[in-house]
PDB file of N, CA and C in Angstrom:
ATOM      1  N   MET A   1     -17.079  -0.850  -4.582  1.00  0.00           N
ATOM      2  CA  MET A   1     -15.785  -1.415  -4.286  1.00  0.00           C
ATOM      3  C   MET A   1     -14.776  -1.046  -5.413  1.00  0.00           C
ATOM      4  N   ARG A   2     -13.635  -0.642  -4.961  1.00  0.00           N
ATOM      5  CA  ARG A   2     -12.543  -0.184  -5.946  1.00  0.00           C
ATOM      6  C   ARG A   2     -11.442  -1.195  -5.882  1.00  0.00           C
ATOM      7  N   ALA A   3     -11.003  -1.684  -7.066  1.00  0.00           N
ATOM      8  CA  ALA A   3      -9.871  -2.575  -7.095  1.00  0.00           C
ATOM      9  C   ALA A   3      -8.561  -1.851  -7.158  1.00  0.00           C
ATOM     10  N   VAL A   4      -7.554  -2.376  -6.547  1.00  0.00           N
ATOM     11  CA  VAL A   4      -6.227  -1.711  -6.550  1.00  0.00           C
ATOM     12  C   VAL A   4      -5.221  -2.828  -6.992  1.00  0.00           C
ATOM     13  N   SER A   5      -4.440  -2.429  -7.948  1.00  0.00           N
ATOM     14  CA  SER A   5      -3.517  -3.413  -8.600  1.00  0.00           C
ATOM     15  C   SER A   5      -2.171  -2.743  -8.818  1.00  0.00           C
ATOM     16  N   ALA A   6      -1.095  -3.538  -8.789  1.00  0.00           N
ATOM     17  CA  ALA A   6       0.214  -3.026  -9.067  1.00  0.00           C
ATOM     18  C   ALA A   6       0.442  -2.782 -10.521  1.00  0.00           C
ATOM     19  N   ASP A   7      -0.441  -3.227 -11.385  1.00  0.00           N
ATOM     20  CA  ASP A   7      -0.270  -3.117 -12.850  1.00  0.00           C
ATOM     21  C   ASP A   7      -1.000  -1.917 -13.349  1.00  0.00           C
ATOM     22  N   ALA A   8      -1.455  -1.044 -12.484  1.00  0.00           N
ATOM     23  CA  ALA A   8      -2.153   0.167 -12.865  1.00  0.00           C
ATOM     24  C   ALA A   8      -1.235   1.106 -13.671  1.00  0.00           C
ATOM     25  N   ALA A   9      -1.748   2.265 -14.140  1.00  0.00           N
ATOM     26  CA  ALA A   9      -0.958   3.198 -14.873  1.00  0.00           C
ATOM     27  C   ALA A   9       0.317   3.583 -14.186  1.00  0.00           C
ATOM     28  N   PRO A  10       1.416   3.916 -14.936  1.00  0.00           N
ATOM     29  CA  PRO A  10       2.618   4.381 -14.279  1.00  0.00           C
ATOM     30  C   PRO A  10       2.410   5.487 -13.348  1.00  0.00           C
ATOM     31  N   ALA A  11       3.150   5.521 -12.237  1.00  0.00           N
ATOM     32  CA  ALA A  11       2.961   6.568 -11.284  1.00  0.00           C
ATOM     33  C   ALA A  11       3.901   7.799 -11.663  1.00  0.00           C
ATOM     34  N   GLN A  12       3.499   8.926 -11.325  1.00  0.00           N
ATOM     35  CA  GLN A  12       4.254  10.141 -11.478  1.00  0.00           C
ATOM     36  C   GLN A  12       5.317  10.040 -10.334  1.00  0.00           C
ATOM     37  N   PRO A  13       6.559  10.572 -10.559  1.00  0.00           N
ATOM     38  CA  PRO A  13       7.556  10.547  -9.508  1.00  0.00           C
ATOM     39  C   PRO A  13       7.097  11.348  -8.339  1.00  0.00           C
ATOM     40  N   VAL A  14       7.339  10.796  -7.156  1.00  0.00           N
ATOM     41  CA  VAL A  14       7.013  11.460  -5.929  1.00  0.00           C
ATOM     42  C   VAL A  14       8.295  11.561  -5.046  1.00  0.00           C
ATOM     43  N   PRO A  15       8.377  12.580  -4.292  1.00  0.00           N
ATOM     44  CA  PRO A  15       9.483  12.680  -3.411  1.00  0.00           C
ATOM     45  C   PRO A  15       9.515  11.521  -2.364  1.00  0.00           C
ATOM     46  N   ALA A  16      10.766  11.051  -2.088  1.00  0.00           N
ATOM     47  CA  ALA A  16      10.777   9.986  -1.038  1.00  0.00           C
ATOM     48  C   ALA A  16      10.282  10.479   0.258  1.00  0.00           C
ATOM     49  N   GLY A  17       9.479   9.740   0.878  1.00  0.00           N
ATOM     50  CA  GLY A  17       8.916  10.175   2.168  1.00  0.00           C
ATOM     51  C   GLY A  17       8.412   9.013   2.916  1.00  0.00           C
ATOM     52  N   ARG A  18       7.966   9.229   4.083  1.00  0.00           N
ATOM     53  CA  ARG A  18       7.498   8.144   4.980  1.00  0.00           C
ATOM     54  C   ARG A  18       5.882   8.259   5.063  1.00  0.00           C
ATOM     55  N   TRP A  19       5.340   7.077   5.186  1.00  0.00           N
ATOM     56  CA  TRP A  19       3.882   6.947   5.175  1.00  0.00           C
ATOM     57  C   TRP A  19       3.510   6.276   6.489  1.00  0.00           C
ATOM     58  N   HIS A  20       2.302   6.515   6.949  1.00  0.00           N
ATOM     59  CA  HIS A  20       1.762   5.819   8.107  1.00  0.00           C
ATOM     60  C   HIS A  20       0.233   5.649   7.944  1.00  0.00           C
ATOM     61  N   CYS A  21      -0.309   4.809   8.713  1.00  0.00           N
ATOM     62  CA  CYS A  21      -1.740   4.496   8.667  1.00  0.00           C
ATOM     63  C   CYS A  21      -2.318   4.897  10.083  1.00  0.00           C
ATOM     64  N   PRO A  22      -2.958   6.145  10.071  1.00  0.00           N
ATOM     65  CA  PRO A  22      -3.422   6.577  11.360  1.00  0.00           C
ATOM     66  C   PRO A  22      -4.632   5.821  11.828  1.00  0.00           C
ATOM     67  N   ARG A  23      -5.288   5.081  11.043  1.00  0.00           N
ATOM     68  CA  ARG A  23      -6.506   4.303  11.430  1.00  0.00           C
ATOM     69  C   ARG A  23      -6.316   2.813  11.264  1.00  0.00           C
ATOM     70  N   ARG A  24      -5.136   2.308  11.527  1.00  0.00           N
ATOM     71  CA  ARG A  24      -4.855   0.902  11.252  1.00  0.00           C
ATOM     72  C   ARG A  24      -5.839  -0.031  11.996  1.00  0.00           C
ATOM     73  N   GLU A  25      -6.332   0.369  13.094  1.00  0.00           N
ATOM     74  CA  GLU A  25      -7.264  -0.498  13.856  1.00  0.00           C
ATOM     75  C   GLU A  25      -8.615  -0.620  13.184  1.00  0.00           C
ATOM     76  N   ASP A  26      -8.910   0.287  12.200  1.00  0.00           N
ATOM     77  CA  ASP A  26     -10.167   0.253  11.474  1.00  0.00           C
ATOM     78  C   ASP A  26     -10.199  -0.783  10.317  1.00  0.00           C
ATOM     79  N   TYR A  27      -9.062  -1.224   9.945  1.00  0.00           N
ATOM     80  CA  TYR A  27      -8.895  -2.105   8.770  1.00  0.00           C
ATOM     81  C   TYR A  27      -8.802  -3.616   9.009  1.00  0.00           C
ATOM     82  N   LEU A  28      -9.609  -4.444   8.362  1.00  0.00           N
ATOM     83  CA  LEU A  28      -9.455  -5.868   8.460  1.00  0.00           C
ATOM     84  C   LEU A  28      -9.048  -6.343   7.110  1.00  0.00           C
ATOM     85  N   LEU A  29      -7.837  -6.929   7.012  1.00  0.00           N
ATOM     86  CA  LEU A  29      -7.222  -7.332   5.756  1.00  0.00           C
ATOM     87  C   LEU A  29      -7.283  -8.819   5.694  1.00  0.00           C
ATOM     88  N   GLN A  30      -7.777  -9.348   4.593  1.00  0.00           N
ATOM     89  CA  GLN A  30      -7.689 -10.814   4.354  1.00  0.00           C
ATOM     90  C   GLN A  30      -6.894 -11.075   3.018  1.00  0.00           C
ATOM     91  N   LEU A  31      -5.901 -11.859   3.116  1.00  0.00           N
ATOM     92  CA  LEU A  31      -5.089 -12.186   2.015  1.00  0.00           C
ATOM     93  C   LEU A  31      -5.328 -13.608   1.484  1.00  0.00           C
ATOM     94  N   TRP A  32      -5.340 -13.720   0.215  1.00  0.00           N
ATOM     95  CA  TRP A  32      -5.427 -15.013  -0.455  1.00  0.00           C
ATOM     96  C   TRP A  32      -4.393 -15.065  -1.569  1.00  0.00           C
ATOM     97  N   PRO A  33      -4.058 -16.249  -2.073  1.00  0.00           N
ATOM     98  CA  PRO A  33      -2.992 -16.313  -3.138  1.00  0.00           C
ATOM     99  C   PRO A  33      -3.387 -15.488  -4.409  1.00  0.00           C
ATOM    100  N   ASP A  34      -4.637 -15.319  -4.757  1.00  0.00           N
ATOM    101  CA  ASP A  34      -5.013 -14.627  -5.923  1.00  0.00           C
ATOM    102  C   ASP A  34      -5.592 -13.207  -5.704  1.00  0.00           C
ATOM    103  N   GLY A  35      -5.384 -12.706  -4.408  1.00  0.00           N
ATOM    104  CA  GLY A  35      -5.818 -11.321  -4.128  1.00  0.00           C
ATOM    105  C   GLY A  35      -6.085 -11.117  -2.648  1.00  0.00           C
ATOM    106  N   ALA A  36      -6.610 -10.008  -2.401  1.00  0.00           N
ATOM    107  CA  ALA A  36      -6.894  -9.607  -1.044  1.00  0.00           C
ATOM    108  C   ALA A  36      -8.138  -8.711  -0.944  1.00  0.00           C
ATOM    109  N   VAL A  37      -8.705  -8.622   0.245  1.00  0.00           N
ATOM    110  CA  VAL A  37      -9.868  -7.705   0.439  1.00  0.00           C
ATOM    111  C   VAL A  37      -9.544  -7.035   1.792  1.00  0.00           C
ATOM    112  N   VAL A  38      -9.893  -5.640   1.804  1.00  0.00           N
ATOM    113  CA  VAL A  38      -9.695  -4.921   3.035  1.00  0.00           C
ATOM    114  C   VAL A  38     -11.067  -4.340   3.341  1.00  0.00           C
ATOM    115  N   TYR A  39     -11.486  -4.473   4.557  1.00  0.00           N
ATOM    116  CA  TYR A  39     -12.750  -3.961   5.090  1.00  0.00           C
ATOM    117  C   TYR A  39     -12.428  -2.767   5.965  1.00  0.00           C
ATOM    118  N   ASP A  40     -13.064  -1.625   5.698  1.00  0.00           N
ATOM    119  CA  ASP A  40     -12.908  -0.458   6.552  1.00  0.00           C
ATOM    120  C   ASP A  40     -14.059  -0.428   7.556  1.00  0.00           C
ATOM    121  N   ASP A  41     -13.735  -0.773   8.799  1.00  0.00           N
ATOM    122  CA  ASP A  41     -14.783  -0.808   9.803  1.00  0.00           C
ATOM    123  C   ASP A  41     -15.435   0.545  10.070  1.00  0.00           C
ATOM    124  N   ALA A  42     -14.717   1.591   9.896  1.00  0.00           N
ATOM    125  CA  ALA A  42     -15.291   2.922  10.172  1.00  0.00           C
ATOM    126  C   ALA A  42     -16.334   3.323   9.165  1.00  0.00           C
ATOM    127  N   SER A  43     -16.049   2.946   7.848  1.00  0.00           N
ATOM    128  CA  SER A  43     -16.981   3.435   6.771  1.00  0.00           C
ATOM    129  C   SER A  43     -17.850   2.279   6.285  1.00  0.00           C
ATOM    130  N   GLY A  44     -17.498   1.009   6.499  1.00  0.00           N
ATOM    131  CA  GLY A  44     -18.243  -0.076   5.962  1.00  0.00           C
ATOM    132  C   GLY A  44     -17.767  -0.406   4.565  1.00  0.00           C
ATOM    133  N   ASP A  45     -16.836   0.256   3.989  1.00  0.00           N
ATOM    134  CA  ASP A  45     -16.304   0.002   2.600  1.00  0.00           C
ATOM    135  C   ASP A  45     -15.533  -1.229   2.510  1.00  0.00           C
ATOM    136  N   ILE A  46     -15.608  -1.943   1.447  1.00  0.00           N
ATOM    137  CA  ILE A  46     -14.795  -3.079   1.172  1.00  0.00           C
ATOM    138  C   ILE A  46     -13.992  -2.770  -0.091  1.00  0.00           C
ATOM    139  N   HIS A  47     -12.712  -3.155  -0.192  1.00  0.00           N
ATOM    140  CA  HIS A  47     -11.889  -2.839  -1.326  1.00  0.00           C
ATOM    141  C   HIS A  47     -11.224  -4.195  -1.739  1.00  0.00           C
ATOM    142  N   ALA A  48     -11.210  -4.499  -3.046  1.00  0.00           N
ATOM    143  CA  ALA A  48     -10.449  -5.613  -3.570  1.00  0.00           C
ATOM    144  C   ALA A  48      -9.068  -5.153  -3.919  1.00  0.00           C
ATOM    145  N   LEU A  49      -8.074  -5.951  -3.583  1.00  0.00           N
ATOM    146  CA  LEU A  49      -6.664  -5.622  -3.847  1.00  0.00           C
ATOM    147  C   LEU A  49      -6.026  -6.760  -4.584  1.00  0.00           C
ATOM    148  N   SER A  50      -5.017  -6.375  -5.480  1.00  0.00           N
ATOM    149  CA  SER A  50      -4.244  -7.431  -6.067  1.00  0.00           C
ATOM    150  C   SER A  50      -3.370  -8.100  -4.927  1.00  0.00           C
ATOM    151  N   PRO A  51      -2.752  -9.293  -5.293  1.00  0.00           N
ATOM    152  CA  PRO A  51      -1.942  -9.952  -4.302  1.00  0.00           C
ATOM    153  C   PRO A  51      -0.809  -9.037  -3.777  1.00  0.00           C
ATOM    154  N   VAL A  52      -0.119  -8.300  -4.713  1.00  0.00           N
ATOM    155  CA  VAL A  52       0.938  -7.428  -4.298  1.00  0.00           C
ATOM    156  C   VAL A  52       0.433  -6.270  -3.436  1.00  0.00           C
ATOM    157  N   ALA A  53      -0.693  -5.737  -3.892  1.00  0.00           N
ATOM    158  CA  ALA A  53      -1.233  -4.589  -3.070  1.00  0.00           C
ATOM    159  C   ALA A  53      -1.623  -5.039  -1.689  1.00  0.00           C
ATOM    160  N   GLY A  54      -2.221  -6.199  -1.585  1.00  0.00           N
ATOM    161  CA  GLY A  54      -2.545  -6.797  -0.237  1.00  0.00           C
ATOM    162  C   GLY A  54      -1.380  -7.001   0.648  1.00  0.00           C
ATOM    163  N   GLU A  55      -0.274  -7.531   0.060  1.00  0.00           N
ATOM    164  CA  GLU A  55       0.898  -7.692   0.845  1.00  0.00           C
ATOM    165  C   GLU A  55       1.576  -6.398   1.292  1.00  0.00           C
ATOM    166  N   LEU A  56       1.491  -5.375   0.353  1.00  0.00           N
ATOM    167  CA  LEU A  56       2.024  -4.105   0.666  1.00  0.00           C
ATOM    168  C   LEU A  56       1.186  -3.433   1.788  1.00  0.00           C
ATOM    169  N   LEU A  57      -0.118  -3.468   1.700  1.00  0.00           N
ATOM    170  CA  LEU A  57      -0.880  -2.905   2.746  1.00  0.00           C
ATOM    171  C   LEU A  57      -0.589  -3.630   4.062  1.00  0.00           C
ATOM    172  N   GLN A  58      -0.486  -4.924   4.042  1.00  0.00           N
ATOM    173  CA  GLN A  58      -0.130  -5.641   5.262  1.00  0.00           C
ATOM    174  C   GLN A  58       1.149  -5.060   5.947  1.00  0.00           C
ATOM    175  N   GLN A  59       2.170  -4.784   5.012  1.00  0.00           N
ATOM    176  CA  GLN A  59       3.458  -4.203   5.541  1.00  0.00           C
ATOM    177  C   GLN A  59       3.219  -2.898   6.140  1.00  0.00           C
ATOM    178  N   VAL A  60       2.407  -2.025   5.478  1.00  0.00           N
ATOM    179  CA  VAL A  60       2.180  -0.684   5.913  1.00  0.00           C
ATOM    180  C   VAL A  60       1.449  -0.710   7.298  1.00  0.00           C
ATOM    181  N   LEU A  61       0.421  -1.515   7.387  1.00  0.00           N
ATOM    182  CA  LEU A  61      -0.310  -1.673   8.600  1.00  0.00           C
ATOM    183  C   LEU A  61       0.503  -2.137   9.787  1.00  0.00           C
ATOM    184  N   ALA A  62       1.524  -3.000   9.523  1.00  0.00           N
ATOM    185  CA  ALA A  62       2.354  -3.535  10.546  1.00  0.00           C
ATOM    186  C   ALA A  62       3.428  -2.604  11.132  1.00  0.00           C
ATOM    187  N   ALA A  63       3.721  -1.536  10.380  1.00  0.00           N
ATOM    188  CA  ALA A  63       4.841  -0.647  10.761  1.00  0.00           C
ATOM    189  C   ALA A  63       4.296   0.689  11.133  1.00  0.00           C
ATOM    190  N   PRO A  64       4.840   1.372  12.149  1.00  0.00           N
ATOM    191  CA  PRO A  64       4.450   2.717  12.472  1.00  0.00           C
ATOM    192  C   PRO A  64       4.679   3.728  11.296  1.00  0.00           C
ATOM    193  N   GLN A  65       5.791   3.585  10.655  1.00  0.00           N
ATOM    194  CA  GLN A  65       6.122   4.409   9.526  1.00  0.00           C
ATOM    195  C   GLN A  65       6.929   3.510   8.525  1.00  0.00           C
ATOM    196  N   SER A  66       6.695   3.927   7.229  1.00  0.00           N
ATOM    197  CA  SER A  66       7.343   3.150   6.200  1.00  0.00           C
ATOM    198  C   SER A  66       7.682   4.034   4.954  1.00  0.00           C
ATOM    199  N   CYS A  67       8.680   3.751   4.257  1.00  0.00           N
ATOM    200  CA  CYS A  67       9.067   4.472   2.987  1.00  0.00           C
ATOM    201  C   CYS A  67       8.934   3.491   1.875  1.00  0.00           C
ATOM    202  N   SER A  68       8.828   3.990   0.635  1.00  0.00           N
ATOM    203  CA  SER A  68       8.553   3.107  -0.519  1.00  0.00           C
ATOM    204  C   SER A  68       9.714   2.133  -0.725  1.00  0.00           C
ATOM    205  N   GLU A  69      11.000   2.609  -0.446  1.00  0.00           N
ATOM    206  CA  GLU A  69      12.179   1.800  -0.709  1.00  0.00           C
ATOM    207  C   GLU A  69      12.177   0.617   0.309  1.00  0.00           C
ATOM    208  N   SER A  70      11.884   0.904   1.570  1.00  0.00           N
ATOM    209  CA  SER A  70      11.932  -0.246   2.520  1.00  0.00           C
ATOM    210  C   SER A  70      10.735  -1.213   2.279  1.00  0.00           C
ATOM    211  N   LEU A  71       9.592  -0.648   1.872  1.00  0.00           N
ATOM    212  CA  LEU A  71       8.504  -1.490   1.557  1.00  0.00           C
ATOM    213  C   LEU A  71       8.815  -2.406   0.342  1.00  0.00           C
ATOM    214  N   ALA A  72       9.433  -1.798  -0.679  1.00  0.00           N
ATOM    215  CA  ALA A  72       9.651  -2.595  -1.872  1.00  0.00           C
ATOM    216  C   ALA A  72      10.702  -3.636  -1.514  1.00  0.00           C
ATOM    217  N   LEU A  73      11.664  -3.307  -0.725  1.00  0.00           N
ATOM    218  CA  LEU A  73      12.657  -4.370  -0.278  1.00  0.00           C
ATOM    219  C   LEU A  73      12.021  -5.514   0.516  1.00  0.00           C
ATOM    220  N   ALA A  74      11.113  -5.125   1.393  1.00  0.00           N
ATOM    221  CA  ALA A  74      10.423  -6.144   2.192  1.00  0.00           C
ATOM    222  C   ALA A  74       9.556  -7.040   1.240  1.00  0.00           C
ATOM    223  N   LEU A  75       8.965  -6.460   0.236  1.00  0.00           N
ATOM    224  CA  LEU A  75       8.083  -7.259  -0.629  1.00  0.00           C
ATOM    225  C   LEU A  75       8.856  -8.043  -1.643  1.00  0.00           C
ATOM    226  N   LEU A  76       9.860  -7.510  -2.219  1.00  0.00           N
ATOM    227  CA  LEU A  76      10.512  -8.005  -3.463  1.00  0.00           C
ATOM    228  C   LEU A  76      11.931  -8.577  -3.149  1.00  0.00           C
ATOM    229  N   GLY A  77      12.511  -8.193  -2.103  1.00  0.00           N
ATOM    230  CA  GLY A  77      13.872  -8.623  -1.824  1.00  0.00           C
ATOM    231  C   GLY A  77      14.857  -7.829  -2.703  1.00  0.00           C
ATOM    232  N   GLU A  78      16.117  -8.176  -2.718  1.00  0.00           N
ATOM    233  CA  GLU A  78      17.144  -7.477  -3.437  1.00  0.00           C
ATOM    234  C   GLU A  78      17.425  -8.185  -4.727  1.00  0.00           C
ATOM    235  N   PRO A  79      17.947  -7.625  -5.743  1.00  0.00           N
ATOM    236  CA  PRO A  79      18.172  -6.185  -5.828  1.00  0.00           C
ATOM    237  C   PRO A  79      16.991  -5.460  -6.328  1.00  0.00           C
ATOM    238  N   LEU A  80      16.717  -4.243  -5.858  1.00  0.00           N
ATOM    239  CA  LEU A  80      15.601  -3.426  -6.275  1.00  0.00           C
ATOM    240  C   LEU A  80      15.965  -2.643  -7.494  1.00  0.00           C
ATOM    241  N   THR A  81      14.977  -2.436  -8.327  1.00  0.00           N
ATOM    242  CA  THR A  81      15.151  -1.536  -9.486  1.00  0.00           C
ATOM    243  C   THR A  81      14.318  -0.295  -9.298  1.00  0.00           C
ATOM    244  N   ALA A  82      14.562   0.750 -10.067  1.00  0.00           N
ATOM    245  CA  ALA A  82      13.820   2.000  -9.950  1.00  0.00           C
ATOM    246  C   ALA A  82      12.328   1.651 -10.301  1.00  0.00           C
ATOM    247  N   HIS A  83      12.118   0.714 -11.224  1.00  0.00           N
ATOM    248  CA  HIS A  83      10.756   0.357 -11.546  1.00  0.00           C
ATOM    249  C   HIS A  83      10.047  -0.298 -10.412  1.00  0.00           C
ATOM    250  N   ASP A  84      10.705  -1.178  -9.625  1.00  0.00           N
ATOM    251  CA  ASP A  84      10.081  -1.674  -8.473  1.00  0.00           C
ATOM    252  C   ASP A  84       9.604  -0.673  -7.423  1.00  0.00           C
ATOM    253  N   VAL A  85      10.464   0.354  -7.219  1.00  0.00           N
ATOM    254  CA  VAL A  85      10.142   1.376  -6.241  1.00  0.00           C
ATOM    255  C   VAL A  85       8.997   2.276  -6.837  1.00  0.00           C
ATOM    256  N   ARG A  86       8.968   2.506  -8.162  1.00  0.00           N
ATOM    257  CA  ARG A  86       7.920   3.330  -8.714  1.00  0.00           C
ATOM    258  C   ARG A  86       6.582   2.577  -8.626  1.00  0.00           C
ATOM    259  N   ARG A  87       6.587   1.243  -8.786  1.00  0.00           N
ATOM    260  CA  ARG A  87       5.308   0.440  -8.588  1.00  0.00           C
ATOM    261  C   ARG A  87       4.818   0.567  -7.163  1.00  0.00           C
ATOM    262  N   VAL A  88       5.714   0.452  -6.193  1.00  0.00           N
ATOM    263  CA  VAL A  88       5.361   0.577  -4.828  1.00  0.00           C
ATOM    264  C   VAL A  88       4.804   2.069  -4.517  1.00  0.00           C
ATOM    265  N   ASP A  89       5.559   3.038  -5.108  1.00  0.00           N
ATOM    266  CA  ASP A  89       5.056   4.438  -4.967  1.00  0.00           C
ATOM    267  C   ASP A  89       3.622   4.630  -5.542  1.00  0.00           C
ATOM    268  N   LYS A  90       3.343   4.017  -6.645  1.00  0.00           N
ATOM    269  CA  LYS A  90       2.027   4.110  -7.224  1.00  0.00           C
ATOM    270  C   LYS A  90       0.946   3.462  -6.363  1.00  0.00           C
ATOM    271  N   LEU A  91       1.274   2.316  -5.792  1.00  0.00           N
ATOM    272  CA  LEU A  91       0.339   1.685  -4.892  1.00  0.00           C
ATOM    273  C   LEU A  91       0.118   2.533  -3.614  1.00  0.00           C
ATOM    274  N   LEU A  92       1.219   3.150  -3.105  1.00  0.00           N
ATOM    275  CA  LEU A  92       1.058   4.030  -1.958  1.00  0.00           C
ATOM    276  C   LEU A  92       0.192   5.266  -2.234  1.00  0.00           C
ATOM    277  N   GLN A  93       0.352   5.725  -3.415  1.00  0.00           N
ATOM    278  CA  GLN A  93      -0.514   6.872  -3.898  1.00  0.00           C
ATOM    279  C   GLN A  93      -2.021   6.371  -3.941  1.00  0.00           C
ATOM    280  N   ASP A  94      -2.230   5.168  -4.493  1.00  0.00           N
ATOM    281  CA  ASP A  94      -3.524   4.648  -4.450  1.00  0.00           C
ATOM    282  C   ASP A  94      -4.137   4.449  -3.073  1.00  0.00           C
ATOM    283  N   PHE A  95      -3.282   3.995  -2.109  1.00  0.00           N
ATOM    284  CA  PHE A  95      -3.722   3.832  -0.740  1.00  0.00           C
ATOM    285  C   PHE A  95      -4.067   5.161  -0.144  1.00  0.00           C
ATOM    286  N   GLU A  96      -3.237   6.226  -0.538  1.00  0.00           N
ATOM    287  CA  GLU A  96      -3.541   7.544   0.002  1.00  0.00           C
ATOM    288  C   GLU A  96      -4.877   8.033  -0.497  1.00  0.00           C
ATOM    289  N   SER A  97      -5.135   7.883  -1.739  1.00  0.00           N
ATOM    290  CA  SER A  97      -6.362   8.365  -2.358  1.00  0.00           C
ATOM    291  C   SER A  97      -7.597   7.654  -1.792  1.00  0.00           C
ATOM    292  N   LEU A  98      -7.419   6.448  -1.322  1.00  0.00           N
ATOM    293  CA  LEU A  98      -8.444   5.655  -0.653  1.00  0.00           C
ATOM    294  C   LEU A  98      -8.588   6.006   0.866  1.00  0.00           C
ATOM    295  N   GLY A  99      -7.696   6.778   1.351  1.00  0.00           N
ATOM    296  CA  GLY A  99      -7.693   7.192   2.756  1.00  0.00           C
ATOM    297  C   GLY A  99      -7.093   6.198   3.665  1.00  0.00           C
ATOM    298  N   PHE A 100      -6.351   5.177   3.169  1.00  0.00           N
ATOM    299  CA  PHE A 100      -5.735   4.149   4.020  1.00  0.00           C
ATOM    300  C   PHE A 100      -4.588   4.714   4.824  1.00  0.00           C
ATOM    301  N   ILE A 101      -3.749   5.477   4.047  1.00  0.00           N
ATOM    302  CA  ILE A 101      -2.480   6.034   4.655  1.00  0.00           C
ATOM    303  C   ILE A 101      -2.363   7.533   4.394  1.00  0.00           C
ATOM    304  N   GLU A 102      -1.445   8.104   4.970  1.00  0.00           N
ATOM    305  CA  GLU A 102      -1.071   9.521   4.677  1.00  0.00           C
ATOM    306  C   GLU A 102       0.409   9.727   4.964  1.00  0.00           C
ATOM    307  N   PRO A 103       0.916  10.802   4.378  1.00  0.00           N
ATOM    308  CA  PRO A 103       2.387  11.089   4.573  1.00  0.00           C
ATOM    309  C   PRO A 103       2.619  11.472   6.054  1.00  0.00           C
ATOM    310  N   CYS A 104       3.803  11.075   6.501  1.00  0.00           N
ATOM    311  CA  CYS A 104       4.154  11.416   7.872  1.00  0.00           C
ATOM    312  C   CYS A 104       4.590  12.906   7.910  1.00  0.00           C
ATOM    313  N   SER A 105       4.349  13.586   8.972  1.00  0.00           N
ATOM    314  CA  SER A 105       4.892  14.921   9.154  1.00  0.00           C
ATOM    315  C   SER A 105       6.330  14.955   9.228  1.00  0.00           C
ATOM    316  N   ALA A 106       6.879  16.037   8.803  1.00  0.00           N
ATOM    317  CA  ALA A 106       8.418  16.188   8.798  1.00  0.00           C
ATOM    318  C   ALA A 106       8.949  16.154  10.184  1.00  0.00           C
TER     319      ALA A 106
END
């Protein structure tokens, strides 16, 4: 089990892009006030998420395509800072490395 948290190491800048979850039907997400767990039905893997990461994944799973700015706005409201968007970018990169999401084709 791998934990995902918004407080992880700073993200490297990434180009703005759109993300999607091609296997959204494979994930069962359970949110609690102090964290979240996502179960991957296809692999049987379970992942522990921070509360923010759980809310972010819920947003990504609910939308056909999302970008870090719109996700940060949905999670945090206005006004957004560059730091807020970088934190969301970092979590999206973590989700990509776990195989939850992938960049959308141009």
